[in-house]
Amino acid sequence: MDNISKTLLIAGFVLIGAGLIWHFSGGKIPLGRLPGDIRIESENSSFYFPLTTCLLLSAVLTFIGWLFRK
């Protein structure tokens, strides 16, 4: 199996898994409201940066990538 087909299979499985999680959680994935996410709200504007969510997703995706390279 060449490299592109392996990548497409992995991407397909990841999308299927994300779809199943989305479906069974009722469309409410519990990411994005973790402690450490930055939220600044004022009277006229708001700013939101999901710092902890980004770090968590990066760690999980790095671990999955490491597993598939072994």
C-alpha atoms as a PDB file:
ATOM      1  CA  MET A   1       0.000   0.000   0.000  1.00  0.00           C
ATOM      2  CA  ASP A   2       1.480   3.336  -0.983  1.00  0.00           C
ATOM      3  CA  ASN A   3       1.715   6.362   1.247  1.00  0.00           C
ATOM      4  CA  ILE A   4      -1.219   8.389  -0.145  1.00  0.00           C
ATOM      5  CA  SER A   5      -3.707   5.536   0.187  1.00  0.00           C
ATOM      6  CA  LYS A   6      -2.601   4.918   3.770  1.00  0.00           C
ATOM      7  CA  THR A   7      -3.053   8.620   4.545  1.00  0.00           C
ATOM      8  CA  LEU A   8      -6.516   8.669   2.976  1.00  0.00           C
ATOM      9  CA  LEU A   9      -7.580   5.582   4.947  1.00  0.00           C
ATOM     10  CA  ILE A  10      -6.409   7.126   8.219  1.00  0.00           C
ATOM     11  CA  ALA A  11      -8.152  10.426   7.401  1.00  0.00           C
ATOM     12  CA  GLY A  12     -11.352   8.494   6.620  1.00  0.00           C
ATOM     13  CA  PHE A  13     -11.268   6.630   9.919  1.00  0.00           C
ATOM     14  CA  VAL A  14     -10.629   9.876  11.809  1.00  0.00           C
ATOM     15  CA  LEU A  15     -13.603  11.535  10.105  1.00  0.00           C
ATOM     16  CA  ILE A  16     -15.843   8.545  10.820  1.00  0.00           C
ATOM     17  CA  GLY A  17     -14.781   8.615  14.473  1.00  0.00           C
ATOM     18  CA  ALA A  18     -15.419  12.358  14.716  1.00  0.00           C
ATOM     19  CA  GLY A  19     -18.824  11.877  13.101  1.00  0.00           C
ATOM     20  CA  LEU A  20     -19.770   9.148  15.571  1.00  0.00           C
ATOM     21  CA  ILE A  21     -18.683  11.263  18.527  1.00  0.00           C
ATOM     22  CA  TRP A  22     -20.653  14.222  17.147  1.00  0.00           C
ATOM     23  CA  HIS A  23     -23.756  12.087  16.577  1.00  0.00           C
ATOM     24  CA  PHE A  24     -23.824  10.370  19.962  1.00  0.00           C
ATOM     25  CA  SER A  25     -22.976  13.510  21.928  1.00  0.00           C
ATOM     26  CA  GLY A  26     -26.001  15.291  20.475  1.00  0.00           C
ATOM     27  CA  GLY A  27     -23.862  17.772  18.544  1.00  0.00           C
ATOM     28  CA  LYS A  28     -22.255  19.085  21.705  1.00  0.00           C
ATOM     29  CA  ILE A  29     -18.603  18.059  21.789  1.00  0.00           C
ATOM     30  CA  PRO A  30     -17.215  18.942  25.226  1.00  0.00           C
ATOM     31  CA  LEU A  31     -14.174  20.759  23.815  1.00  0.00           C
ATOM     32  CA  GLY A  32     -13.873  24.520  23.757  1.00  0.00           C
ATOM     33  CA  ARG A  33     -14.912  25.278  27.313  1.00  0.00           C
ATOM     34  CA  LEU A  34     -11.969  23.810  29.197  1.00  0.00           C
ATOM     35  CA  PRO A  35     -10.202  25.524  32.105  1.00  0.00           C
ATOM     36  CA  GLY A  36      -7.361  27.570  30.643  1.00  0.00           C
ATOM     37  CA  ASP A  37      -9.255  28.675  27.548  1.00  0.00           C
ATOM     38  CA  ILE A  38      -9.031  32.457  27.296  1.00  0.00           C
ATOM     39  CA  ARG A  39     -12.287  34.382  27.195  1.00  0.00           C
ATOM     40  CA  ILE A  40     -12.425  38.182  27.392  1.00  0.00           C
ATOM     41  CA  GLU A  41     -15.814  39.831  27.175  1.00  0.00           C
ATOM     42  CA  SER A  42     -16.582  43.508  27.331  1.00  0.00           C
ATOM     43  CA  GLU A  43     -19.667  45.544  26.700  1.00  0.00           C
ATOM     44  CA  ASN A  44     -19.135  45.879  22.938  1.00  0.00           C
ATOM     45  CA  SER A  45     -16.898  42.970  21.991  1.00  0.00           C
ATOM     46  CA  SER A  46     -15.649  39.571  22.979  1.00  0.00           C
ATOM     47  CA  PHE A  47     -12.493  37.560  22.384  1.00  0.00           C
ATOM     48  CA  TYR A  48     -12.135  33.818  22.763  1.00  0.00           C
ATOM     49  CA  PHE A  49      -8.988  31.731  22.303  1.00  0.00           C
ATOM     50  CA  PRO A  50      -9.212  28.006  23.181  1.00  0.00           C
ATOM     51  CA  LEU A  51      -5.625  27.622  24.416  1.00  0.00           C
ATOM     52  CA  THR A  52      -6.121  24.459  26.484  1.00  0.00           C
ATOM     53  CA  THR A  53      -8.286  22.886  23.794  1.00  0.00           C
ATOM     54  CA  CYS A  54      -5.595  23.536  21.173  1.00  0.00           C
ATOM     55  CA  LEU A  55      -2.888  22.027  23.370  1.00  0.00           C
ATOM     56  CA  LEU A  56      -5.004  18.958  24.145  1.00  0.00           C
ATOM     57  CA  LEU A  57      -5.900  18.337  20.500  1.00  0.00           C
ATOM     58  CA  SER A  58      -2.278  18.824  19.462  1.00  0.00           C
ATOM     59  CA  ALA A  59      -1.093  16.271  22.021  1.00  0.00           C
ATOM     60  CA  VAL A  60      -3.717  13.712  20.987  1.00  0.00           C
ATOM     61  CA  LEU A  61      -3.031  14.124  17.263  1.00  0.00           C
ATOM     62  CA  THR A  62       0.725  13.950  17.837  1.00  0.00           C
ATOM     63  CA  PHE A  63       0.306  10.712  19.784  1.00  0.00           C
ATOM     64  CA  ILE A  64      -1.889   9.213  17.066  1.00  0.00           C
ATOM     65  CA  GLY A  65       0.639  10.210  14.415  1.00  0.00           C
ATOM     66  CA  TRP A  66       3.438   8.694  16.475  1.00  0.00           C
ATOM     67  CA  LEU A  67       1.501   5.420  16.769  1.00  0.00           C
ATOM     68  CA  PHE A  68       0.954   5.150  13.017  1.00  0.00           C
ATOM     69  CA  ARG A  69       4.618   5.831  12.201  1.00  0.00           C
ATOM     70  CA  LYS A  70       5.863   2.959  14.357  1.00  0.00           C
END
